[in-house]
Amino acid sequence: MPAGDVTEYKRSGRFDSVSIAGVAIFGALSVVLTTLSQALGLNFPIVPYLQFDLGEIAIFLAFFIFGPLPAVISAFVEFGTLMVIGENTPIGPPLKLVAILSSLVGVWAGTAIVARLGKPGLNKAAALGAAIGVVARIVASTIANYYLIVFLSVYFSGYSLAAIVGYVSSYFKAAGITLTMANGLTLILGFTAIFNALQLLFVLVVSYLIVRLPQMRSTKAAGRRLWIVSYIHGKE
């Protein structure tokens, strides 16, 4: 394989028979965990239509084990499935996909920066990846939600500002916050950003702790190390 191809191969992750099997497994696992999250009702207390999602753990495990490309494909597998059997369609799955893809880009960017440092390490990659991932997710999700509420609510009346304020005002009041039409958009987008930060930090901590287990660190799928370990240390 030419040197340029090897570099790209290492940067984006493997996509061979092993990775395809991993995509299938983690894509299916993400759907199962998302369905479990919906059944458990893991809602964000102040904005209850937002729900903490265990399914993202599977997607970030795919990232750490196989690489960015397999993780992105796993996210699309989950998206396609949720568009058929998920809740809050057709709005929920696309917003979730935007959040996941922006998070993956941010974590990938942090990992790439750390990989170029003189003394790279998993802890550094996780920390910087989490920081950039949170920022990327908040920016992308805020833009997507703003566009939905301001522009697309003409087609989806349930997502208009008036409808959302009417739905969540009692939850804000319970937290000591008076929600009005004047401050509604700012507060809703602000608390949505807080939710997205908490969601990503949660799934990254859980998936990273799983990857840090000795059993996982010593695992070699088809004779290869975890993608995150290989990429950071520059080895296949």
Protein backbone atom coordinates (compact mmCIF):
# COMPACT_ATOMS: atom_id res chain seq x y z
CA MET A 1 0.00 0.00 0.00
CA PRO A 2 1.45 3.44 -0.93
CA ALA A 3 2.62 5.65 1.94
CA GLY A 4 -0.13 8.20 1.35
CA ASP A 5 -2.79 5.49 1.47
CA VAL A 6 -1.35 4.10 4.70
CA THR A 7 -1.48 7.54 6.33
CA GLU A 8 -5.11 8.07 5.34
CA TYR A 9 -5.88 4.51 6.37
CA LYS A 10 -4.52 5.17 9.84
CA ARG A 11 -6.17 8.57 10.11
CA SER A 12 -9.73 7.54 9.21
CA GLY A 13 -9.68 3.99 10.54
CA ARG A 14 -9.91 0.63 8.91
CA PHE A 15 -12.83 -0.44 6.77
CA ASP A 16 -12.25 -4.10 6.00
CA SER A 17 -14.19 -7.25 6.89
CA VAL A 18 -13.36 -6.87 10.59
CA SER A 19 -14.48 -3.24 10.65
CA ILE A 20 -17.66 -4.04 8.71
CA ALA A 21 -18.53 -6.62 11.33
CA GLY A 22 -17.77 -4.04 14.02
CA VAL A 23 -20.02 -1.48 12.32
CA ALA A 24 -22.87 -4.00 12.24
CA ILE A 25 -22.38 -4.93 15.90
CA PHE A 26 -21.99 -1.42 17.28
CA GLY A 27 -24.69 0.01 15.02
CA ALA A 28 -27.14 -2.59 16.29
CA LEU A 29 -25.96 -2.09 19.88
CA SER A 30 -26.51 1.66 19.61
CA VAL A 31 -30.12 1.06 18.53
CA VAL A 32 -30.69 -1.36 21.43
CA LEU A 33 -29.20 1.06 23.96
CA THR A 34 -31.17 3.99 22.52
CA THR A 35 -34.38 1.98 22.78
CA LEU A 36 -33.45 1.11 26.38
CA SER A 37 -32.85 4.81 27.12
CA GLN A 38 -36.31 5.65 25.80
CA ALA A 39 -37.86 2.90 27.90
CA LEU A 40 -36.06 4.12 31.03
CA GLY A 41 -37.15 7.70 30.39
CA LEU A 42 -33.74 9.31 30.89
CA ASN A 43 -35.05 12.81 30.24
CA PHE A 44 -33.26 16.09 30.95
CA PRO A 45 -35.30 17.52 33.87
CA ILE A 46 -35.60 21.15 32.71
CA VAL A 47 -36.16 20.42 29.00
CA PRO A 48 -37.81 16.99 29.20
CA TYR A 49 -38.13 16.39 25.48
CA LEU A 50 -34.33 16.02 25.51
CA GLN A 51 -33.27 12.53 26.50
CA PHE A 52 -29.93 11.15 27.62
CA ASP A 53 -28.96 8.42 25.17
CA LEU A 54 -26.92 5.35 26.07
CA GLY A 55 -26.74 4.43 22.38
CA GLU A 56 -23.93 6.91 21.75
CA ILE A 57 -21.66 4.80 23.95
CA ALA A 58 -21.66 2.10 21.25
CA ILE A 59 -20.80 4.63 18.54
CA PHE A 60 -17.85 6.03 20.47
CA LEU A 61 -16.66 2.53 21.26
CA ALA A 62 -16.64 1.96 17.49
CA PHE A 63 -14.56 5.14 17.20
CA PHE A 64 -11.98 4.06 19.76
CA ILE A 65 -11.76 0.47 18.51
CA PHE A 66 -12.08 0.78 14.72
CA GLY A 67 -11.69 4.48 13.91
CA PRO A 68 -13.68 7.54 12.78
CA LEU A 69 -15.05 6.15 9.51
CA PRO A 70 -16.57 3.00 11.06
CA ALA A 71 -17.99 5.17 13.87
CA VAL A 72 -19.62 7.53 11.36
CA ILE A 73 -21.13 4.59 9.49
CA SER A 74 -22.42 3.17 12.80
CA ALA A 75 -24.07 6.54 13.46
CA PHE A 76 -25.82 6.38 10.09
CA VAL A 77 -26.92 2.80 10.77
CA GLU A 78 -28.54 4.00 13.99
CA PHE A 79 -30.03 7.03 12.20
CA GLY A 80 -31.63 4.89 9.50
CA THR A 81 -33.07 2.50 12.05
CA LEU A 82 -34.46 5.27 14.26
CA MET A 83 -36.10 6.93 11.27
CA VAL A 84 -38.13 3.72 10.92
CA ILE A 85 -38.75 2.66 14.52
CA GLY A 86 -37.62 5.59 16.68
CA GLU A 87 -39.51 8.29 18.56
CA ASN A 88 -40.03 11.94 17.52
CA THR A 89 -39.59 11.22 13.81
CA PRO A 90 -38.84 12.87 11.47
CA ILE A 91 -37.21 15.57 13.65
CA GLY A 92 -35.49 13.64 16.45
CA PRO A 93 -33.20 11.32 14.48
CA PRO A 94 -31.72 14.06 12.22
CA LEU A 95 -30.98 16.31 15.23
CA LYS A 96 -29.38 13.36 16.98
CA LEU A 97 -27.29 12.59 13.90
CA VAL A 98 -26.06 16.20 13.74
CA ALA A 99 -25.06 16.03 17.40
CA ILE A 100 -23.21 12.72 17.01
CA LEU A 101 -21.39 13.61 13.79
CA SER A 102 -20.22 16.98 15.14
CA SER A 103 -19.05 15.24 18.32
CA LEU A 104 -17.11 12.65 16.34
CA VAL A 105 -15.45 15.38 14.26
CA GLY A 106 -14.44 17.23 17.42
CA VAL A 107 -13.08 14.16 19.21
CA TRP A 108 -11.28 13.12 16.03
CA ALA A 109 -9.69 16.57 15.74
CA GLY A 110 -8.51 16.44 19.35
CA THR A 111 -7.07 12.98 18.83
CA ALA A 112 -5.24 14.09 15.67
CA ILE A 113 -3.70 17.09 17.46
CA VAL A 114 -2.48 14.95 20.35
CA ALA A 115 -1.09 12.33 17.95
CA ARG A 116 1.25 15.00 16.58
CA LEU A 117 2.61 16.00 19.98
CA GLY A 118 6.04 14.94 21.14
CA LYS A 119 4.65 12.72 23.90
CA PRO A 120 1.13 11.64 22.91
CA GLY A 121 -1.08 9.66 25.27
CA LEU A 122 -4.61 8.34 25.59
CA ASN A 123 -5.44 10.62 28.51
CA LYS A 124 -4.35 13.71 26.56
CA ALA A 125 -6.29 12.58 23.49
CA ALA A 126 -9.41 11.94 25.57
CA ALA A 127 -9.20 15.31 27.33
CA LEU A 128 -8.58 17.43 24.23
CA GLY A 129 -11.00 15.39 22.14
CA ALA A 130 -13.71 15.86 24.76
CA ALA A 131 -13.12 19.61 24.91
CA ILE A 132 -13.23 20.12 21.14
CA GLY A 133 -16.07 17.61 20.80
CA VAL A 134 -18.23 19.48 23.32
CA VAL A 135 -17.66 22.80 21.54
CA ALA A 136 -18.37 21.29 18.11
CA ARG A 137 -21.52 19.56 19.36
CA ILE A 138 -22.87 22.68 21.06
CA VAL A 139 -22.27 24.85 18.01
CA ALA A 140 -23.78 22.37 15.54
CA SER A 141 -26.76 21.50 17.74
CA THR A 142 -27.50 25.13 18.57
CA ILE A 143 -27.54 26.04 14.88
CA ALA A 144 -29.73 23.03 14.04
CA ASN A 145 -32.21 23.72 16.84
CA TYR A 146 -32.34 27.44 16.05
CA TYR A 147 -33.08 26.66 12.41
CA LEU A 148 -35.79 24.20 13.45
CA ILE A 149 -37.53 26.56 15.87
CA VAL A 150 -37.24 29.73 13.81
CA PHE A 151 -37.61 28.48 10.24
CA LEU A 152 -38.95 24.90 10.12
CA SER A 153 -41.66 25.36 12.75
CA VAL A 154 -43.89 26.55 9.90
CA TYR A 155 -43.95 22.91 8.77
CA PHE A 156 -43.69 21.32 12.23
CA SER A 157 -45.98 23.35 14.47
CA GLY A 158 -45.16 21.28 17.52
CA TYR A 159 -41.63 22.69 17.42
CA SER A 160 -42.59 26.37 17.28
CA LEU A 161 -41.29 28.61 20.04
CA ALA A 162 -44.80 29.12 21.42
CA ALA A 163 -45.42 25.35 21.56
CA ILE A 164 -42.09 24.62 23.24
CA VAL A 165 -42.46 27.45 25.77
CA GLY A 166 -45.93 26.19 26.62
CA TYR A 167 -44.62 22.66 27.09
CA VAL A 168 -41.53 23.35 29.21
CA SER A 169 -42.50 26.52 31.13
CA SER A 170 -43.67 24.55 34.18
CA TYR A 171 -40.35 22.70 34.34
CA PHE A 172 -38.44 25.96 34.19
CA LYS A 173 -40.72 27.41 36.88
CA ALA A 174 -39.95 24.45 39.13
CA ALA A 175 -36.27 25.37 38.74
CA GLY A 176 -37.00 28.99 39.68
CA ILE A 177 -36.84 30.34 36.11
CA THR A 178 -39.65 32.29 34.47
CA LEU A 179 -39.86 31.37 30.81
CA THR A 180 -41.52 33.84 28.43
CA MET A 181 -41.73 34.36 24.70
CA ALA A 182 -39.14 37.12 25.07
CA ASN A 183 -36.45 34.98 26.70
CA GLY A 184 -37.71 31.58 25.59
CA LEU A 185 -35.49 31.02 22.56
CA THR A 186 -32.30 32.03 24.40
CA LEU A 187 -33.02 29.92 27.48
CA ILE A 188 -34.17 26.88 25.54
CA LEU A 189 -31.08 26.94 23.30
CA GLY A 190 -28.88 27.58 26.34
CA PHE A 191 -30.20 24.63 28.33
CA THR A 192 -30.11 22.47 25.19
CA ALA A 193 -26.40 23.33 24.95
CA ILE A 194 -25.92 22.31 28.59
CA PHE A 195 -27.71 19.04 27.91
CA ASN A 196 -25.52 18.32 24.88
CA ALA A 197 -22.35 18.97 26.87
CA LEU A 198 -23.48 16.64 29.65
CA GLN A 199 -24.56 13.96 27.17
CA LEU A 200 -21.24 13.92 25.35
CA LEU A 201 -19.13 14.02 28.50
CA PHE A 202 -21.13 11.12 29.93
CA VAL A 203 -20.79 8.84 26.90
CA LEU A 204 -17.10 9.72 26.44
CA VAL A 205 -16.29 8.93 30.07
CA VAL A 206 -18.12 5.60 29.93
CA SER A 207 -16.72 4.52 26.55
CA TYR A 208 -13.21 5.69 27.45
CA LEU A 209 -13.25 3.80 30.77
CA ILE A 210 -14.29 0.67 28.85
CA VAL A 211 -11.42 1.15 26.40
CA ARG A 212 -8.99 1.67 29.30
CA LEU A 213 -9.82 -1.73 30.77
CA PRO A 214 -6.78 -4.05 30.60
CA GLN A 215 -8.86 -6.61 28.74
CA MET A 216 -9.66 -4.05 26.05
CA ARG A 217 -6.12 -2.62 25.84
CA SER A 218 -4.74 -6.09 25.23
CA THR A 219 -7.40 -6.98 22.67
CA LYS A 220 -6.19 -7.31 19.10
CA ALA A 221 -8.99 -7.63 16.57
CA ALA A 222 -7.65 -9.73 13.72
CA GLY A 223 -4.15 -9.29 15.14
CA ARG A 224 -4.38 -5.46 15.32
CA ARG A 225 -4.39 -3.03 18.21
CA LEU A 226 -7.27 -0.70 19.00
CA TRP A 227 -7.41 2.11 16.42
CA ILE A 228 -7.00 4.84 19.04
CA VAL A 229 -3.84 3.21 20.39
CA SER A 230 -2.38 2.60 16.93
CA TYR A 231 -3.16 6.12 15.73
CA ILE A 232 -1.80 7.97 18.75
CA HIS A 233 1.42 5.99 18.81
CA GLY A 234 1.82 5.86 15.03
CA LYS A 235 1.73 2.10 14.70
CA GLU A 236 -0.44 -0.29 12.75
